[in-house]
Amino acid sequence: MTVTEQPMGLRGQLVRFVAVGAVAALVDFGVYFLLLAAGVWVPAAKGTSFILGTTTAYLLNRRFTFTASAGGRARFAGFVLLYVTTFALNVGMNTLALTLLPDGLALRFVMAWVIAQGTATAVNFVMLRTVVFRT
């Protein structure tokens, strides 16, 4: 941070987090449905799309939302722990939603994806802000 830069407040971080999240969600959503169309097993498709989407989110959030330097091993370890946790949460919520939503329901897979993504996104923002990037 230079002398003229001011730390970004919660509102600014939240706005940028949502914008970055939209980009990452497009990556996740696109990959998920491409893999489903290719006949990939649903949990594997969700897991792969989550990894690609969250890697996108981490890199963009580090650069534009939380304006953190690379951060070394401790930050990377925090990132890995957070994303292992949210990976399980995201894939688990997607699987649970698909189990609970009726088979014939239109947009069933979209609804399950939204539920899983929303849950993981809320956890990610709080943990990135308070633990990984400590702003």
N, C-alpha and C. Protein backbone atom coordinates (compact mmCIF):
# COMPACT_ATOMS: atom_id res chain seq x y z
N MET A 1 0.85 -1.17 0.00
CA MET A 1 0.00 0.00 0.00
C MET A 1 0.89 1.23 0.00
N THR A 2 0.63 2.17 -0.90
CA THR A 2 1.41 3.40 -0.93
C THR A 2 0.85 4.38 0.09
N VAL A 3 1.56 5.48 0.27
CA VAL A 3 1.16 6.48 1.26
C VAL A 3 -0.21 7.05 0.94
N THR A 4 -0.56 7.21 -0.34
CA THR A 4 -1.83 7.83 -0.71
C THR A 4 -3.00 6.85 -0.71
N GLU A 5 -2.75 5.56 -0.69
CA GLU A 5 -3.83 4.58 -0.69
C GLU A 5 -4.41 4.43 0.71
N GLN A 6 -5.73 4.31 0.75
CA GLN A 6 -6.42 4.09 2.01
C GLN A 6 -6.94 2.66 2.04
N PRO A 7 -6.98 2.04 3.21
CA PRO A 7 -7.54 0.69 3.26
C PRO A 7 -9.00 0.71 2.81
N MET A 8 -9.40 -0.32 2.10
CA MET A 8 -10.77 -0.42 1.64
C MET A 8 -11.66 -0.88 2.78
N GLY A 9 -12.79 -0.25 2.93
CA GLY A 9 -13.72 -0.63 3.98
C GLY A 9 -14.54 -1.85 3.60
N LEU A 10 -15.38 -2.25 4.52
CA LEU A 10 -16.23 -3.42 4.32
C LEU A 10 -17.10 -3.29 3.08
N ARG A 11 -17.71 -2.14 2.88
CA ARG A 11 -18.60 -1.95 1.72
C ARG A 11 -17.83 -2.10 0.41
N GLY A 12 -16.67 -1.47 0.32
CA GLY A 12 -15.86 -1.59 -0.89
C GLY A 12 -15.43 -3.02 -1.14
N GLN A 13 -15.03 -3.70 -0.07
CA GLN A 13 -14.63 -5.10 -0.22
C GLN A 13 -15.81 -5.96 -0.65
N LEU A 14 -16.96 -5.71 -0.09
CA LEU A 14 -18.15 -6.49 -0.43
C LEU A 14 -18.53 -6.29 -1.89
N VAL A 15 -18.49 -5.05 -2.38
CA VAL A 15 -18.82 -4.76 -3.78
C VAL A 15 -17.84 -5.49 -4.71
N ARG A 16 -16.56 -5.39 -4.43
CA ARG A 16 -15.57 -6.07 -5.26
C ARG A 16 -15.69 -7.59 -5.14
N PHE A 17 -15.97 -8.07 -3.94
CA PHE A 17 -16.13 -9.51 -3.72
C PHE A 17 -17.29 -10.04 -4.56
N VAL A 18 -18.38 -9.30 -4.63
CA VAL A 18 -19.54 -9.72 -5.42
C VAL A 18 -19.18 -9.71 -6.91
N ALA A 19 -18.47 -8.69 -7.37
CA ALA A 19 -18.08 -8.63 -8.78
C ALA A 19 -17.14 -9.78 -9.15
N VAL A 20 -16.14 -10.01 -8.31
CA VAL A 20 -15.22 -11.13 -8.53
C VAL A 20 -15.99 -12.45 -8.46
N GLY A 21 -16.90 -12.53 -7.51
CA GLY A 21 -17.71 -13.74 -7.36
C GLY A 21 -18.55 -14.03 -8.59
N ALA A 22 -19.04 -12.98 -9.24
CA ALA A 22 -19.83 -13.18 -10.46
C ALA A 22 -18.97 -13.81 -11.56
N VAL A 23 -17.75 -13.33 -11.70
CA VAL A 23 -16.83 -13.91 -12.69
C VAL A 23 -16.52 -15.36 -12.33
N ALA A 24 -16.18 -15.60 -11.08
CA ALA A 24 -15.85 -16.96 -10.64
C ALA A 24 -17.06 -17.89 -10.76
N ALA A 25 -18.24 -17.37 -10.49
CA ALA A 25 -19.46 -18.17 -10.60
C ALA A 25 -19.72 -18.57 -12.05
N LEU A 26 -19.42 -17.66 -12.97
CA LEU A 26 -19.57 -18.01 -14.39
C LEU A 26 -18.63 -19.14 -14.78
N VAL A 27 -17.41 -19.10 -14.26
CA VAL A 27 -16.46 -20.19 -14.52
C VAL A 27 -17.01 -21.49 -13.94
N ASP A 28 -17.42 -21.45 -12.67
CA ASP A 28 -17.95 -22.63 -11.99
C ASP A 28 -19.17 -23.18 -12.73
N PHE A 29 -20.14 -22.32 -12.97
CA PHE A 29 -21.40 -22.70 -13.61
C PHE A 29 -21.15 -23.28 -15.00
N GLY A 30 -20.34 -22.60 -15.79
CA GLY A 30 -20.05 -23.05 -17.14
C GLY A 30 -19.38 -24.41 -17.18
N VAL A 31 -18.37 -24.58 -16.34
CA VAL A 31 -17.67 -25.87 -16.30
C VAL A 31 -18.60 -26.97 -15.80
N TYR A 32 -19.39 -26.68 -14.77
CA TYR A 32 -20.32 -27.66 -14.22
C TYR A 32 -21.25 -28.21 -15.30
N PHE A 33 -21.88 -27.30 -16.04
CA PHE A 33 -22.84 -27.75 -17.03
C PHE A 33 -22.18 -28.35 -18.26
N LEU A 34 -20.99 -27.92 -18.61
CA LEU A 34 -20.25 -28.58 -19.70
C LEU A 34 -19.92 -30.02 -19.32
N LEU A 35 -19.46 -30.21 -18.09
CA LEU A 35 -19.13 -31.56 -17.64
C LEU A 35 -20.38 -32.44 -17.51
N LEU A 36 -21.48 -31.87 -17.03
CA LEU A 36 -22.73 -32.64 -16.97
C LEU A 36 -23.17 -33.05 -18.37
N ALA A 37 -23.06 -32.13 -19.32
CA ALA A 37 -23.44 -32.44 -20.71
C ALA A 37 -22.55 -33.54 -21.30
N ALA A 38 -21.31 -33.62 -20.81
CA ALA A 38 -20.37 -34.64 -21.28
C ALA A 38 -20.59 -35.97 -20.56
N GLY A 39 -21.54 -36.01 -19.62
CA GLY A 39 -21.87 -37.25 -18.93
C GLY A 39 -21.00 -37.55 -17.71
N VAL A 40 -20.30 -36.53 -17.20
CA VAL A 40 -19.46 -36.73 -16.01
C VAL A 40 -20.35 -36.91 -14.79
N TRP A 41 -19.95 -37.80 -13.89
CA TRP A 41 -20.65 -38.06 -12.63
C TRP A 41 -20.86 -36.74 -11.90
N VAL A 42 -22.06 -36.49 -11.41
CA VAL A 42 -22.44 -35.19 -10.84
C VAL A 42 -21.47 -34.68 -9.76
N PRO A 43 -21.13 -35.46 -8.72
CA PRO A 43 -20.18 -34.93 -7.73
C PRO A 43 -18.80 -34.60 -8.32
N ALA A 44 -18.35 -35.35 -9.31
CA ALA A 44 -17.06 -35.04 -9.94
C ALA A 44 -17.16 -33.76 -10.76
N ALA A 45 -18.28 -33.57 -11.45
CA ALA A 45 -18.49 -32.34 -12.22
C ALA A 45 -18.53 -31.14 -11.28
N LYS A 46 -19.24 -31.27 -10.16
CA LYS A 46 -19.34 -30.15 -9.20
C LYS A 46 -17.99 -29.90 -8.55
N GLY A 47 -17.29 -30.95 -8.21
CA GLY A 47 -15.98 -30.77 -7.59
C GLY A 47 -15.00 -30.07 -8.51
N THR A 48 -14.95 -30.49 -9.76
CA THR A 48 -14.04 -29.87 -10.74
C THR A 48 -14.41 -28.42 -10.98
N SER A 49 -15.69 -28.15 -11.16
CA SER A 49 -16.11 -26.77 -11.42
C SER A 49 -15.85 -25.88 -10.21
N PHE A 50 -16.02 -26.43 -9.02
CA PHE A 50 -15.75 -25.66 -7.80
C PHE A 50 -14.27 -25.29 -7.71
N ILE A 51 -13.41 -26.25 -7.98
CA ILE A 51 -11.97 -25.98 -7.91
C ILE A 51 -11.57 -24.88 -8.89
N LEU A 52 -12.06 -24.95 -10.12
CA LEU A 52 -11.71 -23.93 -11.10
C LEU A 52 -12.32 -22.57 -10.75
N GLY A 53 -13.56 -22.57 -10.28
CA GLY A 53 -14.19 -21.31 -9.89
C GLY A 53 -13.55 -20.68 -8.67
N THR A 54 -13.20 -21.46 -7.67
CA THR A 54 -12.61 -20.89 -6.46
C THR A 54 -11.16 -20.47 -6.68
N THR A 55 -10.46 -21.15 -7.56
CA THR A 55 -9.11 -20.69 -7.88
C THR A 55 -9.18 -19.34 -8.56
N THR A 56 -10.11 -19.17 -9.47
CA THR A 56 -10.34 -17.88 -10.11
C THR A 56 -10.67 -16.82 -9.06
N ALA A 57 -11.58 -17.14 -8.16
CA ALA A 57 -11.99 -16.20 -7.12
C ALA A 57 -10.83 -15.82 -6.21
N TYR A 58 -10.04 -16.79 -5.79
CA TYR A 58 -8.92 -16.51 -4.90
C TYR A 58 -7.94 -15.55 -5.56
N LEU A 59 -7.56 -15.84 -6.79
CA LEU A 59 -6.57 -15.00 -7.48
C LEU A 59 -7.09 -13.58 -7.69
N LEU A 60 -8.35 -13.46 -8.10
CA LEU A 60 -8.91 -12.12 -8.31
C LEU A 60 -9.16 -11.38 -7.00
N ASN A 61 -9.65 -12.09 -5.98
CA ASN A 61 -9.87 -11.43 -4.68
C ASN A 61 -8.55 -10.98 -4.06
N ARG A 62 -7.52 -11.79 -4.19
CA ARG A 62 -6.22 -11.42 -3.64
C ARG A 62 -5.72 -10.14 -4.29
N ARG A 63 -5.97 -10.00 -5.57
CA ARG A 63 -5.46 -8.84 -6.31
C ARG A 63 -6.35 -7.61 -6.17
N PHE A 64 -7.68 -7.79 -6.27
CA PHE A 64 -8.57 -6.64 -6.38
C PHE A 64 -9.43 -6.35 -5.15
N THR A 65 -9.76 -7.35 -4.35
CA THR A 65 -10.68 -7.14 -3.23
C THR A 65 -9.95 -6.89 -1.94
N PHE A 66 -9.01 -7.74 -1.61
CA PHE A 66 -8.32 -7.64 -0.33
C PHE A 66 -6.92 -7.06 -0.50
N THR A 67 -6.54 -6.75 -1.74
CA THR A 67 -5.25 -6.14 -2.09
C THR A 67 -4.09 -6.67 -1.26
N ALA A 68 -3.96 -7.98 -1.25
CA ALA A 68 -2.90 -8.62 -0.48
C ALA A 68 -1.76 -9.03 -1.39
N SER A 69 -0.57 -9.01 -0.85
CA SER A 69 0.57 -9.55 -1.58
C SER A 69 0.43 -11.06 -1.58
N ALA A 70 1.37 -11.74 -2.19
CA ALA A 70 1.30 -13.20 -2.29
C ALA A 70 1.13 -13.84 -0.92
N GLY A 71 1.78 -13.32 0.12
CA GLY A 71 1.50 -13.74 1.48
C GLY A 71 2.23 -14.93 2.02
N GLY A 72 2.96 -15.62 1.21
CA GLY A 72 3.77 -16.71 1.72
C GLY A 72 2.99 -17.96 2.09
N ARG A 73 3.68 -18.82 2.81
CA ARG A 73 3.12 -20.14 3.15
C ARG A 73 1.94 -20.07 4.09
N ALA A 74 1.97 -19.17 5.05
CA ALA A 74 0.86 -19.10 6.02
C ALA A 74 -0.45 -18.74 5.32
N ARG A 75 -0.41 -17.75 4.44
CA ARG A 75 -1.63 -17.36 3.72
C ARG A 75 -2.08 -18.50 2.81
N PHE A 76 -1.14 -19.14 2.13
CA PHE A 76 -1.51 -20.24 1.25
C PHE A 76 -2.11 -21.39 2.05
N ALA A 77 -1.55 -21.67 3.20
CA ALA A 77 -2.09 -22.74 4.06
C ALA A 77 -3.52 -22.40 4.50
N GLY A 78 -3.75 -21.15 4.84
CA GLY A 78 -5.10 -20.71 5.21
C GLY A 78 -6.07 -20.86 4.05
N PHE A 79 -5.59 -20.50 2.85
CA PHE A 79 -6.40 -20.65 1.64
C PHE A 79 -6.76 -22.12 1.42
N VAL A 80 -5.77 -22.99 1.52
CA VAL A 80 -6.00 -24.42 1.29
C VAL A 80 -7.00 -24.97 2.31
N LEU A 81 -6.82 -24.65 3.57
CA LEU A 81 -7.74 -25.12 4.61
C LEU A 81 -9.16 -24.62 4.36
N LEU A 82 -9.29 -23.33 4.04
CA LEU A 82 -10.61 -22.77 3.77
C LEU A 82 -11.26 -23.46 2.58
N TYR A 83 -10.52 -23.64 1.51
CA TYR A 83 -11.12 -24.20 0.31
C TYR A 83 -11.36 -25.70 0.38
N VAL A 84 -10.60 -26.40 1.18
CA VAL A 84 -10.92 -27.82 1.42
C VAL A 84 -12.26 -27.90 2.15
N THR A 85 -12.43 -27.02 3.13
CA THR A 85 -13.68 -26.98 3.89
C THR A 85 -14.86 -26.58 3.01
N THR A 86 -14.69 -25.49 2.24
CA THR A 86 -15.80 -25.04 1.41
C THR A 86 -16.04 -25.98 0.21
N PHE A 87 -15.00 -26.68 -0.22
CA PHE A 87 -15.17 -27.70 -1.25
C PHE A 87 -16.15 -28.76 -0.76
N ALA A 88 -15.89 -29.28 0.43
CA ALA A 88 -16.77 -30.30 1.01
C ALA A 88 -18.18 -29.74 1.21
N LEU A 89 -18.27 -28.52 1.70
CA LEU A 89 -19.56 -27.87 1.92
C LEU A 89 -20.30 -27.69 0.60
N ASN A 90 -19.62 -27.22 -0.43
CA ASN A 90 -20.24 -26.95 -1.71
C ASN A 90 -20.72 -28.23 -2.39
N VAL A 91 -19.85 -29.21 -2.49
CA VAL A 91 -20.24 -30.48 -3.13
C VAL A 91 -21.33 -31.18 -2.30
N GLY A 92 -21.19 -31.13 -0.98
CA GLY A 92 -22.19 -31.74 -0.11
C GLY A 92 -23.55 -31.07 -0.24
N MET A 93 -23.57 -29.74 -0.27
CA MET A 93 -24.85 -29.02 -0.41
C MET A 93 -25.49 -29.30 -1.77
N ASN A 94 -24.67 -29.36 -2.82
CA ASN A 94 -25.18 -29.66 -4.15
C ASN A 94 -25.82 -31.06 -4.17
N THR A 95 -25.13 -32.03 -3.58
CA THR A 95 -25.63 -33.39 -3.53
C THR A 95 -26.90 -33.48 -2.69
N LEU A 96 -26.90 -32.80 -1.53
CA LEU A 96 -28.08 -32.80 -0.67
C LEU A 96 -29.27 -32.16 -1.38
N ALA A 97 -29.05 -31.03 -2.03
CA ALA A 97 -30.14 -30.35 -2.74
C ALA A 97 -30.69 -31.24 -3.85
N LEU A 98 -29.81 -31.91 -4.59
CA LEU A 98 -30.28 -32.80 -5.65
C LEU A 98 -31.07 -33.98 -5.08
N THR A 99 -30.72 -34.39 -3.88
CA THR A 99 -31.44 -35.49 -3.22
C THR A 99 -32.82 -35.02 -2.77
N LEU A 100 -32.91 -33.80 -2.29
CA LEU A 100 -34.17 -33.29 -1.74
C LEU A 100 -35.12 -32.71 -2.79
N LEU A 101 -34.58 -32.19 -3.88
CA LEU A 101 -35.42 -31.62 -4.93
C LEU A 101 -36.03 -32.74 -5.76
N PRO A 102 -37.30 -32.61 -6.14
CA PRO A 102 -37.96 -33.66 -6.93
C PRO A 102 -37.26 -33.88 -8.28
N ASP A 103 -37.17 -35.13 -8.70
CA ASP A 103 -36.50 -35.49 -9.95
C ASP A 103 -37.05 -34.76 -11.17
N GLY A 104 -38.33 -34.56 -11.26
CA GLY A 104 -38.93 -33.95 -12.44
C GLY A 104 -38.93 -32.43 -12.43
N LEU A 105 -38.40 -31.83 -11.39
CA LEU A 105 -38.43 -30.38 -11.24
C LEU A 105 -37.58 -29.70 -12.32
N ALA A 106 -38.21 -28.75 -13.02
CA ALA A 106 -37.47 -27.97 -14.01
C ALA A 106 -36.36 -27.19 -13.30
N LEU A 107 -35.23 -27.09 -13.90
CA LEU A 107 -34.08 -26.35 -13.37
C LEU A 107 -33.55 -26.93 -12.05
N ARG A 108 -33.77 -28.21 -11.83
CA ARG A 108 -33.32 -28.87 -10.59
C ARG A 108 -31.82 -28.70 -10.37
N PHE A 109 -31.03 -28.91 -11.42
CA PHE A 109 -29.58 -28.81 -11.29
C PHE A 109 -29.14 -27.36 -11.08
N VAL A 110 -29.84 -26.43 -11.70
CA VAL A 110 -29.53 -25.01 -11.50
C VAL A 110 -29.84 -24.61 -10.05
N MET A 111 -30.98 -25.04 -9.54
CA MET A 111 -31.34 -24.71 -8.16
C MET A 111 -30.35 -25.30 -7.16
N ALA A 112 -29.93 -26.54 -7.39
CA ALA A 112 -28.95 -27.17 -6.50
C ALA A 112 -27.62 -26.42 -6.55
N TRP A 113 -27.22 -26.01 -7.74
CA TRP A 113 -25.97 -25.25 -7.90
C TRP A 113 -26.05 -23.92 -7.14
N VAL A 114 -27.17 -23.22 -7.27
CA VAL A 114 -27.35 -21.93 -6.60
C VAL A 114 -27.31 -22.10 -5.07
N ILE A 115 -27.96 -23.11 -4.56
CA ILE A 115 -27.96 -23.36 -3.11
C ILE A 115 -26.54 -23.64 -2.62
N ALA A 116 -25.83 -24.51 -3.34
CA ALA A 116 -24.45 -24.85 -2.95
C ALA A 116 -23.54 -23.64 -3.06
N GLN A 117 -23.67 -22.90 -4.13
CA GLN A 117 -22.81 -21.73 -4.36
C GLN A 117 -23.08 -20.65 -3.33
N GLY A 118 -24.33 -20.41 -3.03
CA GLY A 118 -24.67 -19.37 -2.05
C GLY A 118 -24.12 -19.69 -0.67
N THR A 119 -24.24 -20.93 -0.28
CA THR A 119 -23.72 -21.34 1.03
C THR A 119 -22.20 -21.18 1.10
N ALA A 120 -21.51 -21.67 0.09
CA ALA A 120 -20.05 -21.58 0.07
C ALA A 120 -19.57 -20.13 -0.04
N THR A 121 -20.27 -19.31 -0.79
CA THR A 121 -19.88 -17.90 -0.96
C THR A 121 -19.95 -17.14 0.36
N ALA A 122 -21.00 -17.35 1.11
CA ALA A 122 -21.13 -16.67 2.40
C ALA A 122 -20.00 -17.05 3.34
N VAL A 123 -19.70 -18.33 3.42
CA VAL A 123 -18.60 -18.80 4.27
C VAL A 123 -17.27 -18.25 3.76
N ASN A 124 -17.06 -18.26 2.45
CA ASN A 124 -15.80 -17.76 1.88
C ASN A 124 -15.54 -16.30 2.21
N PHE A 125 -16.55 -15.44 2.05
CA PHE A 125 -16.33 -14.02 2.30
C PHE A 125 -15.89 -13.78 3.74
N VAL A 126 -16.61 -14.35 4.66
CA VAL A 126 -16.29 -14.16 6.08
C VAL A 126 -14.89 -14.68 6.40
N MET A 127 -14.57 -15.86 5.93
CA MET A 127 -13.27 -16.46 6.25
C MET A 127 -12.12 -15.79 5.51
N LEU A 128 -12.32 -15.39 4.26
CA LEU A 128 -11.27 -14.66 3.54
C LEU A 128 -10.97 -13.34 4.24
N ARG A 129 -12.03 -12.64 4.63
CA ARG A 129 -11.86 -11.31 5.24
C ARG A 129 -11.25 -11.40 6.64
N THR A 130 -11.67 -12.37 7.41
CA THR A 130 -11.25 -12.42 8.82
C THR A 130 -10.07 -13.31 9.11
N VAL A 131 -9.80 -14.29 8.24
CA VAL A 131 -8.73 -15.25 8.53
C VAL A 131 -7.62 -15.19 7.49
N VAL A 132 -7.95 -15.42 6.24
CA VAL A 132 -6.91 -15.55 5.20
C VAL A 132 -6.23 -14.20 4.93
N PHE A 133 -7.03 -13.14 4.69
CA PHE A 133 -6.44 -11.85 4.37
C PHE A 133 -6.45 -10.87 5.54
N ARG A 134 -7.12 -11.18 6.61
CA ARG A 134 -7.17 -10.38 7.84
C ARG A 134 -7.18 -8.87 7.60
N THR A 135 -8.31 -8.40 7.11
CA THR A 135 -8.39 -6.95 6.85
C THR A 135 -9.16 -6.24 7.93
